[in-house]
Amino acid sequence: MLSLAQKPSFSPARELGFALHDVARLLRTYSDQRARELGTTRAQWAVLSRLQRCEGVKQNELAEALDLAPITIGRMIDKLTAAGLVERRDDATDRRAHRLYLTEKAAPALVNLGALAEDLMGRALAGVDETTTRAMHDGLKIIKANLKNELNSGA
């Protein structure tokens, strides 16, 4: 049995796993805090940002991309629609589905959220050069692809 004074040694891969978890948690917490400055939530910010990148998606596709339950995304879209930032349009090929689009009213909010994102990530990445940032991004894309492969293979 290990005493508290003995620190186990973990592989660099495991240490990276711990670091990724800690950074993701802190980034979520900091993003929540900063989103409140603009009177929104991190979740709403994520929906608006994702729609900015892929307007016209179906609600279920958006839920999957954001790893949210369909009921949760439905409620968020309801709120964003009521605020006049998002609109549902009928899908031409599926009468049961709606496609999601940003409204003109969303444009200023997205400008503000974009500036906030740049500031937030600038602070988070302070002291990390662009080459390292690109290398970390490339590595994370590989990790993401590996995990998706594992999940899809039923491993």
N, C-alpha and C. Protein backbone atom coordinates (compact mmCIF):
# COMPACT_ATOMS: atom_id res chain seq x y z
N MET A 1 0.85 -1.18 0.00
CA MET A 1 0.00 0.00 0.00
C MET A 1 0.89 1.25 0.00
N LEU A 2 0.53 2.21 -0.82
CA LEU A 2 1.30 3.46 -0.90
C LEU A 2 0.91 4.39 0.23
N SER A 3 1.92 5.00 0.81
CA SER A 3 1.61 6.04 1.79
C SER A 3 1.40 7.34 1.02
N LEU A 4 0.80 8.32 1.68
CA LEU A 4 0.57 9.60 1.03
C LEU A 4 1.87 10.29 0.66
N ALA A 5 2.95 9.97 1.35
CA ALA A 5 4.24 10.58 1.07
C ALA A 5 4.84 10.05 -0.22
N GLN A 6 4.47 8.82 -0.58
CA GLN A 6 4.99 8.23 -1.81
C GLN A 6 4.13 8.68 -2.98
N LYS A 7 4.77 9.27 -3.97
CA LYS A 7 4.03 9.71 -5.15
C LYS A 7 4.24 8.69 -6.26
N PRO A 8 3.16 8.17 -6.78
CA PRO A 8 3.32 7.20 -7.87
C PRO A 8 3.87 7.91 -9.11
N SER A 9 4.59 7.16 -9.89
CA SER A 9 5.08 7.74 -11.13
C SER A 9 4.22 7.21 -12.26
N PHE A 10 3.73 8.12 -13.06
CA PHE A 10 2.86 7.78 -14.18
C PHE A 10 3.61 8.03 -15.49
N SER A 11 3.18 7.32 -16.50
CA SER A 11 3.79 7.51 -17.82
C SER A 11 3.46 8.91 -18.33
N PRO A 12 4.26 9.43 -19.25
CA PRO A 12 3.94 10.73 -19.84
C PRO A 12 2.54 10.77 -20.47
N ALA A 13 2.11 9.65 -21.02
CA ALA A 13 0.77 9.60 -21.62
C ALA A 13 -0.31 9.78 -20.56
N ARG A 14 -0.15 9.13 -19.42
CA ARG A 14 -1.13 9.30 -18.33
C ARG A 14 -1.09 10.70 -17.76
N GLU A 15 0.12 11.25 -17.61
CA GLU A 15 0.24 12.63 -17.12
C GLU A 15 -0.46 13.58 -18.09
N LEU A 16 -0.32 13.32 -19.39
CA LEU A 16 -1.01 14.15 -20.38
C LEU A 16 -2.52 14.04 -20.21
N GLY A 17 -3.00 12.84 -19.94
CA GLY A 17 -4.44 12.65 -19.71
C GLY A 17 -4.94 13.48 -18.53
N PHE A 18 -4.18 13.46 -17.43
CA PHE A 18 -4.54 14.27 -16.27
C PHE A 18 -4.54 15.76 -16.63
N ALA A 19 -3.49 16.18 -17.34
CA ALA A 19 -3.37 17.60 -17.72
C ALA A 19 -4.52 18.02 -18.63
N LEU A 20 -4.87 17.18 -19.61
CA LEU A 20 -5.98 17.51 -20.51
C LEU A 20 -7.28 17.68 -19.72
N HIS A 21 -7.52 16.77 -18.80
CA HIS A 21 -8.73 16.85 -17.98
C HIS A 21 -8.75 18.13 -17.16
N ASP A 22 -7.64 18.44 -16.50
CA ASP A 22 -7.57 19.64 -15.67
C ASP A 22 -7.74 20.91 -16.50
N VAL A 23 -7.06 20.97 -17.64
CA VAL A 23 -7.16 22.15 -18.50
C VAL A 23 -8.57 22.32 -19.03
N ALA A 24 -9.19 21.23 -19.46
CA ALA A 24 -10.56 21.31 -19.99
C ALA A 24 -11.53 21.81 -18.91
N ARG A 25 -11.38 21.29 -17.69
CA ARG A 25 -12.25 21.73 -16.59
C ARG A 25 -12.06 23.21 -16.28
N LEU A 26 -10.79 23.64 -16.20
CA LEU A 26 -10.51 25.05 -15.92
C LEU A 26 -10.98 25.96 -17.05
N LEU A 27 -10.82 25.50 -18.28
CA LEU A 27 -11.28 26.29 -19.42
C LEU A 27 -12.80 26.43 -19.41
N ARG A 28 -13.50 25.36 -19.06
CA ARG A 28 -14.97 25.45 -18.95
C ARG A 28 -15.37 26.43 -17.86
N THR A 29 -14.72 26.34 -16.71
CA THR A 29 -15.04 27.22 -15.58
C THR A 29 -14.77 28.68 -15.95
N TYR A 30 -13.61 28.93 -16.53
CA TYR A 30 -13.25 30.30 -16.93
C TYR A 30 -14.17 30.82 -18.03
N SER A 31 -14.54 29.94 -18.97
CA SER A 31 -15.46 30.33 -20.04
C SER A 31 -16.84 30.67 -19.49
N ASP A 32 -17.30 29.88 -18.51
CA ASP A 32 -18.59 30.17 -17.85
C ASP A 32 -18.55 31.57 -17.25
N GLN A 33 -17.48 31.83 -16.53
CA GLN A 33 -17.31 33.13 -15.86
C GLN A 33 -17.29 34.27 -16.87
N ARG A 34 -16.54 34.11 -17.93
CA ARG A 34 -16.40 35.17 -18.92
C ARG A 34 -17.67 35.35 -19.75
N ALA A 35 -18.40 34.27 -20.02
CA ALA A 35 -19.64 34.36 -20.80
C ALA A 35 -20.66 35.22 -20.06
N ARG A 36 -20.66 35.12 -18.74
CA ARG A 36 -21.61 35.93 -17.94
C ARG A 36 -21.40 37.43 -18.17
N GLU A 37 -20.16 37.82 -18.51
CA GLU A 37 -19.89 39.24 -18.79
C GLU A 37 -20.76 39.75 -19.93
N LEU A 38 -21.12 38.85 -20.84
CA LEU A 38 -21.94 39.23 -22.00
C LEU A 38 -23.40 38.79 -21.84
N GLY A 39 -23.75 38.38 -20.63
CA GLY A 39 -25.14 38.00 -20.36
C GLY A 39 -25.56 36.71 -21.05
N THR A 40 -24.62 35.81 -21.24
CA THR A 40 -24.95 34.53 -21.86
C THR A 40 -24.33 33.41 -21.04
N THR A 41 -24.53 32.20 -21.51
CA THR A 41 -23.92 31.04 -20.86
C THR A 41 -22.90 30.42 -21.81
N ARG A 42 -22.01 29.63 -21.26
CA ARG A 42 -21.03 28.94 -22.10
C ARG A 42 -21.75 28.02 -23.08
N ALA A 43 -22.82 27.37 -22.63
CA ALA A 43 -23.55 26.46 -23.49
C ALA A 43 -24.19 27.20 -24.67
N GLN A 44 -24.80 28.36 -24.39
CA GLN A 44 -25.39 29.15 -25.48
C GLN A 44 -24.30 29.65 -26.42
N TRP A 45 -23.18 30.05 -25.85
CA TRP A 45 -22.04 30.49 -26.64
C TRP A 45 -21.59 29.37 -27.57
N ALA A 46 -21.52 28.16 -27.05
CA ALA A 46 -21.10 27.01 -27.86
C ALA A 46 -22.07 26.76 -29.01
N VAL A 47 -23.36 26.88 -28.74
CA VAL A 47 -24.37 26.68 -29.79
C VAL A 47 -24.22 27.74 -30.88
N LEU A 48 -24.12 29.00 -30.47
CA LEU A 48 -23.99 30.08 -31.46
C LEU A 48 -22.71 29.94 -32.29
N SER A 49 -21.61 29.60 -31.61
CA SER A 49 -20.34 29.45 -32.32
C SER A 49 -20.38 28.28 -33.29
N ARG A 50 -21.00 27.18 -32.88
CA ARG A 50 -21.09 26.01 -33.76
C ARG A 50 -21.98 26.33 -34.95
N LEU A 51 -23.07 27.04 -34.72
CA LEU A 51 -23.94 27.42 -35.83
C LEU A 51 -23.23 28.38 -36.78
N GLN A 52 -22.38 29.22 -36.24
CA GLN A 52 -21.62 30.13 -37.09
C GLN A 52 -20.72 29.32 -38.04
N ARG A 53 -20.21 28.21 -37.55
CA ARG A 53 -19.32 27.36 -38.35
C ARG A 53 -20.07 26.45 -39.30
N CYS A 54 -21.30 26.08 -38.97
CA CYS A 54 -22.04 25.13 -39.83
C CYS A 54 -23.53 25.42 -39.80
N GLU A 55 -23.87 26.60 -40.29
CA GLU A 55 -25.27 27.00 -40.35
C GLU A 55 -26.07 26.03 -41.22
N GLY A 56 -27.31 25.82 -40.86
CA GLY A 56 -28.18 24.95 -41.63
C GLY A 56 -28.18 23.51 -41.17
N VAL A 57 -27.52 23.22 -40.03
CA VAL A 57 -27.52 21.85 -39.51
C VAL A 57 -28.88 21.53 -38.90
N LYS A 58 -29.16 20.24 -38.83
CA LYS A 58 -30.35 19.79 -38.13
C LYS A 58 -30.08 19.84 -36.63
N GLN A 59 -31.14 19.97 -35.87
CA GLN A 59 -31.01 20.07 -34.42
C GLN A 59 -30.31 18.84 -33.83
N ASN A 60 -30.64 17.65 -34.34
CA ASN A 60 -30.01 16.44 -33.81
C ASN A 60 -28.52 16.38 -34.17
N GLU A 61 -28.14 16.93 -35.33
CA GLU A 61 -26.72 16.98 -35.71
C GLU A 61 -25.96 17.93 -34.79
N LEU A 62 -26.59 19.03 -34.46
CA LEU A 62 -25.97 19.99 -33.54
C LEU A 62 -25.80 19.37 -32.15
N ALA A 63 -26.82 18.67 -31.70
CA ALA A 63 -26.74 18.00 -30.39
C ALA A 63 -25.58 17.01 -30.37
N GLU A 64 -25.43 16.25 -31.43
CA GLU A 64 -24.34 15.28 -31.50
C GLU A 64 -22.98 15.97 -31.53
N ALA A 65 -22.87 17.04 -32.32
CA ALA A 65 -21.59 17.76 -32.43
C ALA A 65 -21.17 18.37 -31.10
N LEU A 66 -22.14 18.80 -30.31
CA LEU A 66 -21.84 19.42 -29.02
C LEU A 66 -21.90 18.43 -27.86
N ASP A 67 -22.18 17.17 -28.18
CA ASP A 67 -22.28 16.12 -27.17
C ASP A 67 -23.32 16.46 -26.10
N LEU A 68 -24.49 16.87 -26.59
CA LEU A 68 -25.60 17.21 -25.70
C LEU A 68 -26.80 16.34 -26.04
N ALA A 69 -27.64 16.13 -25.06
CA ALA A 69 -28.88 15.38 -25.30
C ALA A 69 -29.80 16.21 -26.19
N PRO A 70 -30.55 15.57 -27.07
CA PRO A 70 -31.47 16.31 -27.95
C PRO A 70 -32.44 17.22 -27.19
N ILE A 71 -32.92 16.76 -26.04
CA ILE A 71 -33.85 17.59 -25.25
C ILE A 71 -33.15 18.84 -24.74
N THR A 72 -31.88 18.71 -24.37
CA THR A 72 -31.11 19.85 -23.86
C THR A 72 -30.89 20.87 -24.97
N ILE A 73 -30.49 20.40 -26.14
CA ILE A 73 -30.26 21.32 -27.25
C ILE A 73 -31.57 21.96 -27.69
N GLY A 74 -32.65 21.19 -27.61
CA GLY A 74 -33.97 21.74 -27.96
C GLY A 74 -34.34 22.92 -27.08
N ARG A 75 -34.09 22.79 -25.78
CA ARG A 75 -34.40 23.88 -24.84
C ARG A 75 -33.51 25.09 -25.11
N MET A 76 -32.24 24.83 -25.40
CA MET A 76 -31.34 25.96 -25.69
C MET A 76 -31.75 26.68 -26.96
N ILE A 77 -32.13 25.91 -27.97
CA ILE A 77 -32.57 26.52 -29.23
C ILE A 77 -33.86 27.31 -28.99
N ASP A 78 -34.74 26.78 -28.15
CA ASP A 78 -35.96 27.52 -27.80
C ASP A 78 -35.60 28.89 -27.21
N LYS A 79 -34.64 28.91 -26.27
CA LYS A 79 -34.24 30.17 -25.63
C LYS A 79 -33.58 31.12 -26.64
N LEU A 80 -32.71 30.57 -27.48
CA LEU A 80 -32.03 31.41 -28.47
C LEU A 80 -33.00 31.91 -29.54
N THR A 81 -34.01 31.12 -29.84
CA THR A 81 -35.06 31.55 -30.77
C THR A 81 -35.89 32.66 -30.14
N ALA A 82 -36.26 32.48 -28.88
CA ALA A 82 -37.03 33.51 -28.17
C ALA A 82 -36.25 34.82 -28.07
N ALA A 83 -34.92 34.72 -27.98
CA ALA A 83 -34.07 35.92 -27.91
C ALA A 83 -33.84 36.52 -29.29
N GLY A 84 -34.33 35.84 -30.34
CA GLY A 84 -34.20 36.35 -31.70
C GLY A 84 -32.83 36.12 -32.33
N LEU A 85 -32.06 35.18 -31.78
CA LEU A 85 -30.70 34.93 -32.29
C LEU A 85 -30.62 33.75 -33.26
N VAL A 86 -31.57 32.83 -33.14
CA VAL A 86 -31.57 31.62 -33.97
C VAL A 86 -32.98 31.42 -34.51
N GLU A 87 -33.06 30.86 -35.71
CA GLU A 87 -34.37 30.51 -36.24
C GLU A 87 -34.34 29.09 -36.79
N ARG A 88 -35.48 28.43 -36.63
CA ARG A 88 -35.67 27.09 -37.19
C ARG A 88 -36.37 27.25 -38.53
N ARG A 89 -35.86 26.53 -39.52
CA ARG A 89 -36.51 26.51 -40.82
C ARG A 89 -36.80 25.06 -41.18
N ASP A 90 -37.91 24.86 -41.88
CA ASP A 90 -38.27 23.51 -42.29
C ASP A 90 -37.18 22.93 -43.18
N ASP A 91 -36.96 21.63 -43.02
CA ASP A 91 -36.02 20.91 -43.87
C ASP A 91 -36.77 20.49 -45.13
N ALA A 92 -36.23 20.81 -46.29
CA ALA A 92 -36.89 20.53 -47.56
C ALA A 92 -37.04 19.02 -47.82
N THR A 93 -36.16 18.22 -47.22
CA THR A 93 -36.17 16.78 -47.50
C THR A 93 -36.80 15.94 -46.39
N ASP A 94 -37.07 16.55 -45.23
CA ASP A 94 -37.60 15.79 -44.10
C ASP A 94 -38.60 16.69 -43.35
N ARG A 95 -39.88 16.38 -43.50
CA ARG A 95 -40.92 17.22 -42.90
C ARG A 95 -40.84 17.28 -41.39
N ARG A 96 -40.22 16.28 -40.77
CA ARG A 96 -40.15 16.24 -39.30
C ARG A 96 -38.98 17.06 -38.75
N ALA A 97 -38.05 17.41 -39.62
CA ALA A 97 -36.81 18.04 -39.16
C ALA A 97 -36.80 19.55 -39.44
N HIS A 98 -35.99 20.22 -38.66
CA HIS A 98 -35.76 21.66 -38.86
C HIS A 98 -34.26 21.87 -39.02
N ARG A 99 -33.94 22.87 -39.79
CA ARG A 99 -32.54 23.29 -39.92
C ARG A 99 -32.39 24.59 -39.14
N LEU A 100 -31.23 24.81 -38.59
CA LEU A 100 -31.00 25.95 -37.71
C LEU A 100 -30.14 27.00 -38.40
N TYR A 101 -30.56 28.24 -38.24
CA TYR A 101 -29.85 29.37 -38.85
C TYR A 101 -29.75 30.52 -37.85
N LEU A 102 -28.68 31.26 -37.96
CA LEU A 102 -28.51 32.46 -37.16
C LEU A 102 -29.32 33.58 -37.78
N THR A 103 -29.79 34.49 -36.96
CA THR A 103 -30.51 35.66 -37.46
C THR A 103 -29.54 36.82 -37.57
N GLU A 104 -29.99 37.89 -38.18
CA GLU A 104 -29.16 39.10 -38.27
C GLU A 104 -28.86 39.65 -36.88
N LYS A 105 -29.79 39.46 -35.96
CA LYS A 105 -29.60 39.93 -34.59
C LYS A 105 -28.42 39.23 -33.90
N ALA A 106 -28.06 38.04 -34.38
CA ALA A 106 -26.96 37.29 -33.77
C ALA A 106 -25.60 37.86 -34.14
N ALA A 107 -25.51 38.60 -35.24
CA ALA A 107 -24.21 39.08 -35.72
C ALA A 107 -23.43 39.89 -34.67
N PRO A 108 -24.03 40.92 -34.04
CA PRO A 108 -23.27 41.66 -33.03
C PRO A 108 -22.87 40.79 -31.83
N ALA A 109 -23.75 39.88 -31.43
CA ALA A 109 -23.43 38.98 -30.32
C ALA A 109 -22.24 38.11 -30.68
N LEU A 110 -22.19 37.64 -31.92
CA LEU A 110 -21.07 36.79 -32.35
C LEU A 110 -19.77 37.57 -32.43
N VAL A 111 -19.85 38.84 -32.81
CA VAL A 111 -18.65 39.68 -32.81
C VAL A 111 -18.11 39.80 -31.38
N ASN A 112 -19.00 40.08 -30.44
CA ASN A 112 -18.60 40.20 -29.03
C ASN A 112 -18.07 38.88 -28.47
N LEU A 113 -18.74 37.78 -28.82
CA LEU A 113 -18.29 36.47 -28.35
C LEU A 113 -16.95 36.10 -28.97
N GLY A 114 -16.75 36.47 -30.23
CA GLY A 114 -15.47 36.21 -30.89
C GLY A 114 -14.34 36.96 -30.23
N ALA A 115 -14.57 38.22 -29.90
CA ALA A 115 -13.55 39.02 -29.22
C ALA A 115 -13.28 38.43 -27.83
N LEU A 116 -14.32 38.00 -27.16
CA LEU A 116 -14.16 37.38 -25.84
C LEU A 116 -13.34 36.09 -25.97
N ALA A 117 -13.63 35.29 -26.98
CA ALA A 117 -12.90 34.04 -27.19
C ALA A 117 -11.42 34.30 -27.44
N GLU A 118 -11.13 35.31 -28.26
CA GLU A 118 -9.73 35.64 -28.53
C GLU A 118 -9.01 36.07 -27.25
N ASP A 119 -9.68 36.89 -26.44
CA ASP A 119 -9.09 37.34 -25.19
C ASP A 119 -8.89 36.17 -24.23
N LEU A 120 -9.93 35.36 -24.10
CA LEU A 120 -9.88 34.21 -23.19
C LEU A 120 -8.74 33.27 -23.58
N MET A 121 -8.65 32.91 -24.85
CA MET A 121 -7.61 31.99 -25.28
C MET A 121 -6.23 32.65 -25.26
N GLY A 122 -6.18 33.94 -25.50
CA GLY A 122 -4.91 34.66 -25.39
C GLY A 122 -4.37 34.57 -23.98
N ARG A 123 -5.26 34.72 -23.00
CA ARG A 123 -4.85 34.60 -21.60
C ARG A 123 -4.46 33.17 -21.26
N ALA A 124 -5.25 32.22 -21.75
CA ALA A 124 -4.96 30.81 -21.46
C ALA A 124 -3.64 30.37 -22.08
N LEU A 125 -3.33 30.89 -23.25
CA LEU A 125 -2.12 30.47 -23.96
C LEU A 125 -0.95 31.44 -23.79
N ALA A 126 -1.06 32.35 -22.83
CA ALA A 126 0.04 33.30 -22.58
C ALA A 126 1.32 32.52 -22.32
N GLY A 127 2.36 32.89 -23.02
CA GLY A 127 3.65 32.22 -22.85
C GLY A 127 3.84 31.00 -23.75
N VAL A 128 2.82 30.64 -24.51
CA VAL A 128 2.92 29.52 -25.45
C VAL A 128 3.04 30.11 -26.85
N ASP A 129 4.12 29.76 -27.55
CA ASP A 129 4.32 30.35 -28.88
C ASP A 129 3.41 29.69 -29.91
N GLU A 130 3.29 30.34 -31.07
CA GLU A 130 2.36 29.88 -32.11
C GLU A 130 2.73 28.50 -32.63
N THR A 131 4.01 28.22 -32.75
CA THR A 131 4.44 26.90 -33.22
C THR A 131 3.96 25.80 -32.26
N THR A 132 4.12 26.04 -30.99
CA THR A 132 3.67 25.07 -29.98
C THR A 132 2.15 24.94 -30.00
N THR A 133 1.47 26.08 -30.14
CA THR A 133 0.01 26.05 -30.21
C THR A 133 -0.45 25.20 -31.39
N ARG A 134 0.17 25.40 -32.55
CA ARG A 134 -0.20 24.60 -33.73
C ARG A 134 0.11 23.12 -33.50
N ALA A 135 1.24 22.83 -32.90
CA ALA A 135 1.61 21.43 -32.64
C ALA A 135 0.62 20.78 -31.66
N MET A 136 0.22 21.52 -30.62
CA MET A 136 -0.76 20.98 -29.67
C MET A 136 -2.09 20.74 -30.38
N HIS A 137 -2.50 21.67 -31.22
CA HIS A 137 -3.75 21.52 -31.96
C HIS A 137 -3.70 20.29 -32.86
N ASP A 138 -2.58 20.13 -33.58
CA ASP A 138 -2.42 18.96 -34.44
C ASP A 138 -2.49 17.66 -33.62
N GLY A 139 -1.82 17.65 -32.49
CA GLY A 139 -1.86 16.47 -31.63
C GLY A 139 -3.25 16.17 -31.11
N LEU A 140 -3.97 17.20 -30.72
CA LEU A 140 -5.34 17.01 -30.22
C LEU A 140 -6.27 16.50 -31.31
N LYS A 141 -6.06 16.94 -32.55
CA LYS A 141 -6.87 16.43 -33.66
C LYS A 141 -6.64 14.92 -33.84
N ILE A 142 -5.39 14.50 -33.70
CA ILE A 142 -5.08 13.07 -33.81
C ILE A 142 -5.73 12.29 -32.67
N ILE A 143 -5.61 12.81 -31.45
CA ILE A 143 -6.23 12.16 -30.29
C ILE A 143 -7.73 12.05 -30.50
N LYS A 144 -8.35 13.11 -30.96
CA LYS A 144 -9.79 13.12 -31.20
C LYS A 144 -10.17 12.06 -32.24
N ALA A 145 -9.43 12.00 -33.33
CA ALA A 145 -9.71 11.01 -34.37
C ALA A 145 -9.54 9.59 -33.83
N ASN A 146 -8.49 9.37 -33.05
CA ASN A 146 -8.26 8.05 -32.45
C ASN A 146 -9.43 7.64 -31.56
N LEU A 147 -9.87 8.57 -30.72
CA LEU A 147 -10.98 8.26 -29.81
C LEU A 147 -12.28 8.01 -30.56
N LYS A 148 -12.52 8.81 -31.59
CA LYS A 148 -13.73 8.58 -32.40
C LYS A 148 -13.67 7.20 -33.05
N ASN A 149 -12.50 6.83 -33.57
CA ASN A 149 -12.33 5.50 -34.16
C ASN A 149 -12.63 4.40 -33.15
N GLU A 150 -12.09 4.57 -31.95
CA GLU A 150 -12.32 3.55 -30.91
C GLU A 150 -13.78 3.46 -30.54
N LEU A 151 -14.44 4.59 -30.42
CA LEU A 151 -15.85 4.60 -30.07
C LEU A 151 -16.70 3.98 -31.18
N ASN A 152 -16.34 4.26 -32.42
CA ASN A 152 -17.11 3.74 -33.55
C ASN A 152 -16.84 2.28 -33.82
N SER A 153 -15.69 1.79 -33.38
CA SER A 153 -15.37 0.37 -33.62
C SER A 153 -15.99 -0.52 -32.55
N GLY A 154 -16.54 0.09 -31.51
CA GLY A 154 -17.18 -0.68 -30.44
C GLY A 154 -16.18 -1.32 -29.51
N ALA A 155 -14.97 -0.75 -29.48
CA ALA A 155 -13.90 -1.33 -28.64
C ALA A 155 -14.17 -1.17 -27.18
